[in-house]
Amino acid sequence: MIAEKGYLGTSGPFGIGANTGIYYIKPDDQVQRDALVLARQPIAFGLSDPAWGYRVYDQSYANLEAMAAMGL
């Protein structure tokens, strides 16, 4: 079991958003997506799950697109 102290995906073994950054990676930009996901591997000491990283980036992109559609 992994318990996270923040919102899902903001801490723990993948720890993408433990800062104020925003990740807007287009789903069809495989080179950039791979680079970002693979860059997290050493930081997480082998405990990160690359599949989860891709899901987090995809959801971040979808959420930001939805916010833009609402005029935010």
PDB file of N, CA and C in Angstrom:
ATOM      1  N   MET A   1       0.834  -1.145   0.000  1.00  0.00           N
ATOM      2  CA  MET A   1       0.000   0.000   0.000  1.00  0.00           C
ATOM      3  C   MET A   1       0.901   1.236   0.000  1.00  0.00           C
ATOM      4  N   ILE A   2       0.472   2.245  -0.743  1.00  0.00           N
ATOM      5  CA  ILE A   2       1.162   3.529  -0.737  1.00  0.00           C
ATOM      6  C   ILE A   2       0.142   4.582  -0.320  1.00  0.00           C
ATOM      7  N   ALA A   3       0.463   5.324   0.713  1.00  0.00           N
ATOM      8  CA  ALA A   3      -0.392   6.423   1.162  1.00  0.00           C
ATOM      9  C   ALA A   3       0.306   7.724   0.804  1.00  0.00           C
ATOM     10  N   GLU A   4      -0.438   8.629   0.219  1.00  0.00           N
ATOM     11  CA  GLU A   4       0.135   9.906  -0.165  1.00  0.00           C
ATOM     12  C   GLU A   4      -0.400  10.999   0.740  1.00  0.00           C
ATOM     13  N   LYS A   5       0.472  11.925   1.061  1.00  0.00           N
ATOM     14  CA  LYS A   5       0.074  13.007   1.960  1.00  0.00           C
ATOM     15  C   LYS A   5      -0.646  14.131   1.234  1.00  0.00           C
ATOM     16  N   GLY A   6      -0.513  14.184  -0.079  1.00  0.00           N
ATOM     17  CA  GLY A   6      -1.140  15.250  -0.856  1.00  0.00           C
ATOM     18  C   GLY A   6      -2.152  14.688  -1.821  1.00  0.00           C
ATOM     19  N   TYR A   7      -2.525  15.480  -2.792  1.00  0.00           N
ATOM     20  CA  TYR A   7      -3.427  15.001  -3.824  1.00  0.00           C
ATOM     21  C   TYR A   7      -2.760  13.868  -4.580  1.00  0.00           C
ATOM     22  N   LEU A   8      -3.531  12.982  -5.106  1.00  0.00           N
ATOM     23  CA  LEU A   8      -3.023  11.815  -5.806  1.00  0.00           C
ATOM     24  C   LEU A   8      -2.029  12.219  -6.883  1.00  0.00           C
ATOM     25  N   GLY A   9      -0.846  11.674  -6.801  1.00  0.00           N
ATOM     26  CA  GLY A   9       0.194  11.961  -7.772  1.00  0.00           C
ATOM     27  C   GLY A   9       1.097  13.129  -7.427  1.00  0.00           C
ATOM     28  N   THR A  10       0.857  13.782  -6.283  1.00  0.00           N
ATOM     29  CA  THR A  10       1.685  14.937  -5.937  1.00  0.00           C
ATOM     30  C   THR A  10       2.786  14.611  -4.950  1.00  0.00           C
ATOM     31  N   SER A  11       2.798  13.407  -4.440  1.00  0.00           N
ATOM     32  CA  SER A  11       3.865  12.990  -3.541  1.00  0.00           C
ATOM     33  C   SER A  11       4.037  11.487  -3.706  1.00  0.00           C
ATOM     34  N   GLY A  12       4.762  10.867  -2.835  1.00  0.00           N
ATOM     35  CA  GLY A  12       4.944   9.430  -2.948  1.00  0.00           C
ATOM     36  C   GLY A  12       6.047   9.082  -3.936  1.00  0.00           C
ATOM     37  N   PRO A  13       6.058   7.852  -4.430  1.00  0.00           N
ATOM     38  CA  PRO A  13       7.182   7.400  -5.231  1.00  0.00           C
ATOM     39  C   PRO A  13       7.314   8.095  -6.583  1.00  0.00           C
ATOM     40  N   PHE A  14       6.238   8.619  -7.135  1.00  0.00           N
ATOM     41  CA  PHE A  14       6.405   9.323  -8.409  1.00  0.00           C
ATOM     42  C   PHE A  14       6.640  10.804  -8.155  1.00  0.00           C
ATOM     43  N   GLY A  15       5.878  11.379  -7.272  1.00  0.00           N
ATOM     44  CA  GLY A  15       6.127  12.740  -6.798  1.00  0.00           C
ATOM     45  C   GLY A  15       6.287  13.781  -7.890  1.00  0.00           C
ATOM     46  N   ILE A  16       5.357  13.851  -8.809  1.00  0.00           N
ATOM     47  CA  ILE A  16       5.460  14.833  -9.894  1.00  0.00           C
ATOM     48  C   ILE A  16       5.234  16.244  -9.377  1.00  0.00           C
ATOM     49  N   GLY A  17       4.141  16.436  -8.708  1.00  0.00           N
ATOM     50  CA  GLY A  17       3.712  17.799  -8.430  1.00  0.00           C
ATOM     51  C   GLY A  17       4.012  18.301  -7.043  1.00  0.00           C
ATOM     52  N   ALA A  18       5.062  17.870  -6.419  1.00  0.00           N
ATOM     53  CA  ALA A  18       5.364  18.341  -5.076  1.00  0.00           C
ATOM     54  C   ALA A  18       5.986  19.730  -5.136  1.00  0.00           C
ATOM     55  N   ASN A  19       5.485  20.526  -6.045  1.00  0.00           N
ATOM     56  CA  ASN A  19       5.929  21.905  -6.202  1.00  0.00           C
ATOM     57  C   ASN A  19       4.800  22.694  -6.861  1.00  0.00           C
ATOM     58  N   THR A  20       5.080  23.865  -7.332  1.00  0.00           N
ATOM     59  CA  THR A  20       4.037  24.684  -7.947  1.00  0.00           C
ATOM     60  C   THR A  20       4.068  24.612  -9.469  1.00  0.00           C
ATOM     61  N   GLY A  21       4.802  23.668 -10.026  1.00  0.00           N
ATOM     62  CA  GLY A  21       4.901  23.531 -11.473  1.00  0.00           C
ATOM     63  C   GLY A  21       3.636  22.958 -12.093  1.00  0.00           C
ATOM     64  N   ILE A  22       3.472  23.215 -13.358  1.00  0.00           N
ATOM     65  CA  ILE A  22       2.358  22.665 -14.122  1.00  0.00           C
ATOM     66  C   ILE A  22       2.952  21.872 -15.272  1.00  0.00           C
ATOM     67  N   TYR A  23       2.423  20.692 -15.494  1.00  0.00           N
ATOM     68  CA  TYR A  23       2.909  19.840 -16.565  1.00  0.00           C
ATOM     69  C   TYR A  23       1.866  19.793 -17.679  1.00  0.00           C
ATOM     70  N   TYR A  24       2.213  20.365 -18.806  1.00  0.00           N
ATOM     71  CA  TYR A  24       1.322  20.416 -19.970  1.00  0.00           C
ATOM     72  C   TYR A  24       2.053  19.746 -21.120  1.00  0.00           C
ATOM     73  N   ILE A  25       1.983  18.427 -21.126  1.00  0.00           N
ATOM     74  CA  ILE A  25       2.676  17.646 -22.133  1.00  0.00           C
ATOM     75  C   ILE A  25       1.632  17.011 -23.034  1.00  0.00           C
ATOM     76  N   LYS A  26       1.671  17.368 -24.306  1.00  0.00           N
ATOM     77  CA  LYS A  26       0.696  16.827 -25.244  1.00  0.00           C
ATOM     78  C   LYS A  26       0.841  15.311 -25.329  1.00  0.00           C
ATOM     79  N   PRO A  27      -0.271  14.595 -25.334  1.00  0.00           N
ATOM     80  CA  PRO A  27      -0.223  13.136 -25.389  1.00  0.00           C
ATOM     81  C   PRO A  27       0.521  12.583 -26.608  1.00  0.00           C
ATOM     82  N   ASP A  28       0.567  13.346 -27.695  1.00  0.00           N
ATOM     83  CA  ASP A  28       1.245  12.845 -28.891  1.00  0.00           C
ATOM     84  C   ASP A  28       2.725  13.241 -28.956  1.00  0.00           C
ATOM     85  N   ASP A  29       3.241  13.872 -27.898  1.00  0.00           N
ATOM     86  CA  ASP A  29       4.658  14.244 -27.844  1.00  0.00           C
ATOM     87  C   ASP A  29       5.409  13.169 -27.054  1.00  0.00           C
ATOM     88  N   GLN A  30       5.597  12.023 -27.673  1.00  0.00           N
ATOM     89  CA  GLN A  30       6.171  10.878 -26.972  1.00  0.00           C
ATOM     90  C   GLN A  30       7.597  11.120 -26.504  1.00  0.00           C
ATOM     91  N   VAL A  31       8.366  11.889 -27.251  1.00  0.00           N
ATOM     92  CA  VAL A  31       9.758  12.151 -26.870  1.00  0.00           C
ATOM     93  C   VAL A  31       9.804  12.910 -25.546  1.00  0.00           C
ATOM     94  N   GLN A  32       9.030  13.976 -25.439  1.00  0.00           N
ATOM     95  CA  GLN A  32       9.020  14.767 -24.204  1.00  0.00           C
ATOM     96  C   GLN A  32       8.432  13.962 -23.047  1.00  0.00           C
ATOM     97  N   ARG A  33       7.361  13.214 -23.313  1.00  0.00           N
ATOM     98  CA  ARG A  33       6.733  12.402 -22.259  1.00  0.00           C
ATOM     99  C   ARG A  33       7.721  11.378 -21.710  1.00  0.00           C
ATOM    100  N   ASP A  34       8.405  10.673 -22.610  1.00  0.00           N
ATOM    101  CA  ASP A  34       9.377   9.669 -22.168  1.00  0.00           C
ATOM    102  C   ASP A  34      10.493  10.307 -21.356  1.00  0.00           C
ATOM    103  N   ALA A  35      10.979  11.451 -21.813  1.00  0.00           N
ATOM    104  CA  ALA A  35      12.074  12.126 -21.106  1.00  0.00           C
ATOM    105  C   ALA A  35      11.655  12.501 -19.685  1.00  0.00           C
ATOM    106  N   LEU A  36      10.454  13.033 -19.533  1.00  0.00           N
ATOM    107  CA  LEU A  36      10.000  13.437 -18.200  1.00  0.00           C
ATOM    108  C   LEU A  36       9.771  12.242 -17.287  1.00  0.00           C
ATOM    109  N   VAL A  37       9.145  11.214 -17.813  1.00  0.00           N
ATOM    110  CA  VAL A  37       8.888  10.036 -16.984  1.00  0.00           C
ATOM    111  C   VAL A  37      10.202   9.357 -16.585  1.00  0.00           C
ATOM    112  N   LEU A  38      11.094   9.185 -17.530  1.00  0.00           N
ATOM    113  CA  LEU A  38      12.360   8.511 -17.231  1.00  0.00           C
ATOM    114  C   LEU A  38      13.258   9.332 -16.305  1.00  0.00           C
ATOM    115  N   ALA A  39      13.119  10.653 -16.332  1.00  0.00           N
ATOM    116  CA  ALA A  39      13.911  11.508 -15.446  1.00  0.00           C
ATOM    117  C   ALA A  39      13.533  11.296 -13.987  1.00  0.00           C
ATOM    118  N   ARG A  40      12.314  10.827 -13.728  1.00  0.00           N
ATOM    119  CA  ARG A  40      11.863  10.611 -12.352  1.00  0.00           C
ATOM    120  C   ARG A  40      12.378   9.301 -11.770  1.00  0.00           C
ATOM    121  N   GLN A  41      12.782   8.378 -12.587  1.00  0.00           N
ATOM    122  CA  GLN A  41      13.202   7.056 -12.110  1.00  0.00           C
ATOM    123  C   GLN A  41      14.334   7.119 -11.082  1.00  0.00           C
ATOM    124  N   PRO A  42      15.448   7.787 -11.377  1.00  0.00           N
ATOM    125  CA  PRO A  42      16.542   7.815 -10.392  1.00  0.00           C
ATOM    126  C   PRO A  42      16.165   8.550  -9.109  1.00  0.00           C
ATOM    127  N   ILE A  43      15.346   9.571  -9.227  1.00  0.00           N
ATOM    128  CA  ILE A  43      14.944  10.362  -8.063  1.00  0.00           C
ATOM    129  C   ILE A  43      14.127   9.516  -7.085  1.00  0.00           C
ATOM    130  N   ALA A  44      13.347   8.587  -7.629  1.00  0.00           N
ATOM    131  CA  ALA A  44      12.483   7.745  -6.798  1.00  0.00           C
ATOM    132  C   ALA A  44      13.173   6.450  -6.366  1.00  0.00           C
ATOM    133  N   PHE A  45      14.466   6.328  -6.657  1.00  0.00           N
ATOM    134  CA  PHE A  45      15.249   5.163  -6.230  1.00  0.00           C
ATOM    135  C   PHE A  45      14.615   3.844  -6.681  1.00  0.00           C
ATOM    136  N   GLY A  46      14.074   3.834  -7.903  1.00  0.00           N
ATOM    137  CA  GLY A  46      13.497   2.618  -8.455  1.00  0.00           C
ATOM    138  C   GLY A  46      12.106   2.275  -7.963  1.00  0.00           C
ATOM    139  N   LEU A  47      11.512   3.135  -7.156  1.00  0.00           N
ATOM    140  CA  LEU A  47      10.180   2.856  -6.620  1.00  0.00           C
ATOM    141  C   LEU A  47       9.059   3.449  -7.458  1.00  0.00           C
ATOM    142  N   SER A  48       9.390   4.231  -8.452  1.00  0.00           N
ATOM    143  CA  SER A  48       8.340   4.864  -9.250  1.00  0.00           C
ATOM    144  C   SER A  48       7.783   3.883 -10.275  1.00  0.00           C
ATOM    145  N   ASP A  49       6.590   4.178 -10.721  1.00  0.00           N
ATOM    146  CA  ASP A  49       5.909   3.359 -11.707  1.00  0.00           C
ATOM    147  C   ASP A  49       5.730   4.197 -12.970  1.00  0.00           C
ATOM    148  N   PRO A  50       6.495   3.933 -14.023  1.00  0.00           N
ATOM    149  CA  PRO A  50       6.396   4.745 -15.230  1.00  0.00           C
ATOM    150  C   PRO A  50       4.972   4.811 -15.793  1.00  0.00           C
ATOM    151  N   ALA A  51       4.232   3.720 -15.717  1.00  0.00           N
ATOM    152  CA  ALA A  51       2.855   3.736 -16.232  1.00  0.00           C
ATOM    153  C   ALA A  51       2.008   4.766 -15.486  1.00  0.00           C
ATOM    154  N   TRP A  52       2.235   4.857 -14.185  1.00  0.00           N
ATOM    155  CA  TRP A  52       1.502   5.844 -13.389  1.00  0.00           C
ATOM    156  C   TRP A  52       1.909   7.259 -13.799  1.00  0.00           C
ATOM    157  N   GLY A  53       3.174   7.458 -14.081  1.00  0.00           N
ATOM    158  CA  GLY A  53       3.650   8.771 -14.526  1.00  0.00           C
ATOM    159  C   GLY A  53       2.957   9.215 -15.791  1.00  0.00           C
ATOM    160  N   TYR A  54       2.829   8.315 -16.741  1.00  0.00           N
ATOM    161  CA  TYR A  54       2.130   8.661 -17.985  1.00  0.00           C
ATOM    162  C   TYR A  54       0.671   9.012 -17.709  1.00  0.00           C
ATOM    163  N   ARG A  55       0.043   8.278 -16.820  1.00  0.00           N
ATOM    164  CA  ARG A  55      -1.359   8.567 -16.475  1.00  0.00           C
ATOM    165  C   ARG A  55      -1.497   9.945 -15.841  1.00  0.00           C
ATOM    166  N   VAL A  56      -0.559  10.287 -14.963  1.00  0.00           N
ATOM    167  CA  VAL A  56      -0.608  11.595 -14.303  1.00  0.00           C
ATOM    168  C   VAL A  56      -0.433  12.713 -15.325  1.00  0.00           C
ATOM    169  N   TYR A  57       0.538  12.559 -16.236  1.00  0.00           N
ATOM    170  CA  TYR A  57       0.744  13.582 -17.266  1.00  0.00           C
ATOM    171  C   TYR A  57      -0.475  13.696 -18.179  1.00  0.00           C
ATOM    172  N   ASP A  58      -1.082  12.569 -18.538  1.00  0.00           N
ATOM    173  CA  ASP A  58      -2.272  12.604 -19.385  1.00  0.00           C
ATOM    174  C   ASP A  58      -3.428  13.312 -18.693  1.00  0.00           C
ATOM    175  N   GLN A  59      -3.615  13.019 -17.408  1.00  0.00           N
ATOM    176  CA  GLN A  59      -4.713  13.649 -16.674  1.00  0.00           C
ATOM    177  C   GLN A  59      -4.464  15.144 -16.479  1.00  0.00           C
ATOM    178  N   SER A  60      -3.218  15.503 -16.229  1.00  0.00           N
ATOM    179  CA  SER A  60      -2.862  16.913 -16.093  1.00  0.00           C
ATOM    180  C   SER A  60      -3.185  17.662 -17.384  1.00  0.00           C
ATOM    181  N   TYR A  61      -2.822  17.075 -18.511  1.00  0.00           N
ATOM    182  CA  TYR A  61      -3.111  17.690 -19.813  1.00  0.00           C
ATOM    183  C   TYR A  61      -4.621  17.838 -20.006  1.00  0.00           C
ATOM    184  N   ALA A  62      -5.374  16.779 -19.727  1.00  0.00           N
ATOM    185  CA  ALA A  62      -6.830  16.824 -19.886  1.00  0.00           C
ATOM    186  C   ALA A  62      -7.462  17.884 -18.982  1.00  0.00           C
ATOM    187  N   ASN A  63      -6.988  17.966 -17.742  1.00  0.00           N
ATOM    188  CA  ASN A  63      -7.539  18.965 -16.809  1.00  0.00           C
ATOM    189  C   ASN A  63      -7.251  20.392 -17.274  1.00  0.00           C
ATOM    190  N   LEU A  64      -6.032  20.621 -17.758  1.00  0.00           N
ATOM    191  CA  LEU A  64      -5.689  21.961 -18.221  1.00  0.00           C
ATOM    192  C   LEU A  64      -6.460  22.331 -19.489  1.00  0.00           C
ATOM    193  N   GLU A  65      -6.688  21.374 -20.353  1.00  0.00           N
ATOM    194  CA  GLU A  65      -7.510  21.619 -21.549  1.00  0.00           C
ATOM    195  C   GLU A  65      -8.947  21.958 -21.136  1.00  0.00           C
ATOM    196  N   ALA A  66      -9.481  21.243 -20.164  1.00  0.00           N
ATOM    197  CA  ALA A  66     -10.846  21.513 -19.682  1.00  0.00           C
ATOM    198  C   ALA A  66     -10.935  22.900 -19.049  1.00  0.00           C
ATOM    199  N   MET A  67      -9.916  23.276 -18.291  1.00  0.00           N
ATOM    200  CA  MET A  67      -9.910  24.605 -17.670  1.00  0.00           C
ATOM    201  C   MET A  67      -9.853  25.693 -18.741  1.00  0.00           C
ATOM    202  N   ALA A  68      -9.054  25.478 -19.784  1.00  0.00           N
ATOM    203  CA  ALA A  68      -8.961  26.451 -20.866  1.00  0.00           C
ATOM    204  C   ALA A  68     -10.306  26.581 -21.583  1.00  0.00           C
ATOM    205  N   ALA A  69     -11.005  25.464 -21.758  1.00  0.00           N
ATOM    206  CA  ALA A  69     -12.314  25.492 -22.404  1.00  0.00           C
ATOM    207  C   ALA A  69     -13.324  26.273 -21.581  1.00  0.00           C
ATOM    208  N   MET A  70     -13.127  26.324 -20.261  1.00  0.00           N
ATOM    209  CA  MET A  70     -14.014  27.092 -19.385  1.00  0.00           C
ATOM    210  C   MET A  70     -13.597  28.555 -19.285  1.00  0.00           C
ATOM    211  N   GLY A  71     -12.523  28.895 -19.956  1.00  0.00           N
ATOM    212  CA  GLY A  71     -12.069  30.284 -19.949  1.00  0.00           C
ATOM    213  C   GLY A  71     -11.156  30.630 -18.795  1.00  0.00           C
ATOM    214  N   LEU A  72     -10.616  29.637 -18.153  1.00  0.00           N
ATOM    215  CA  LEU A  72      -9.700  29.896 -17.020  1.00  0.00           C
ATOM    216  C   LEU A  72      -8.280  30.031 -17.507  1.00  0.00           C
TER     217      LEU A  72
END
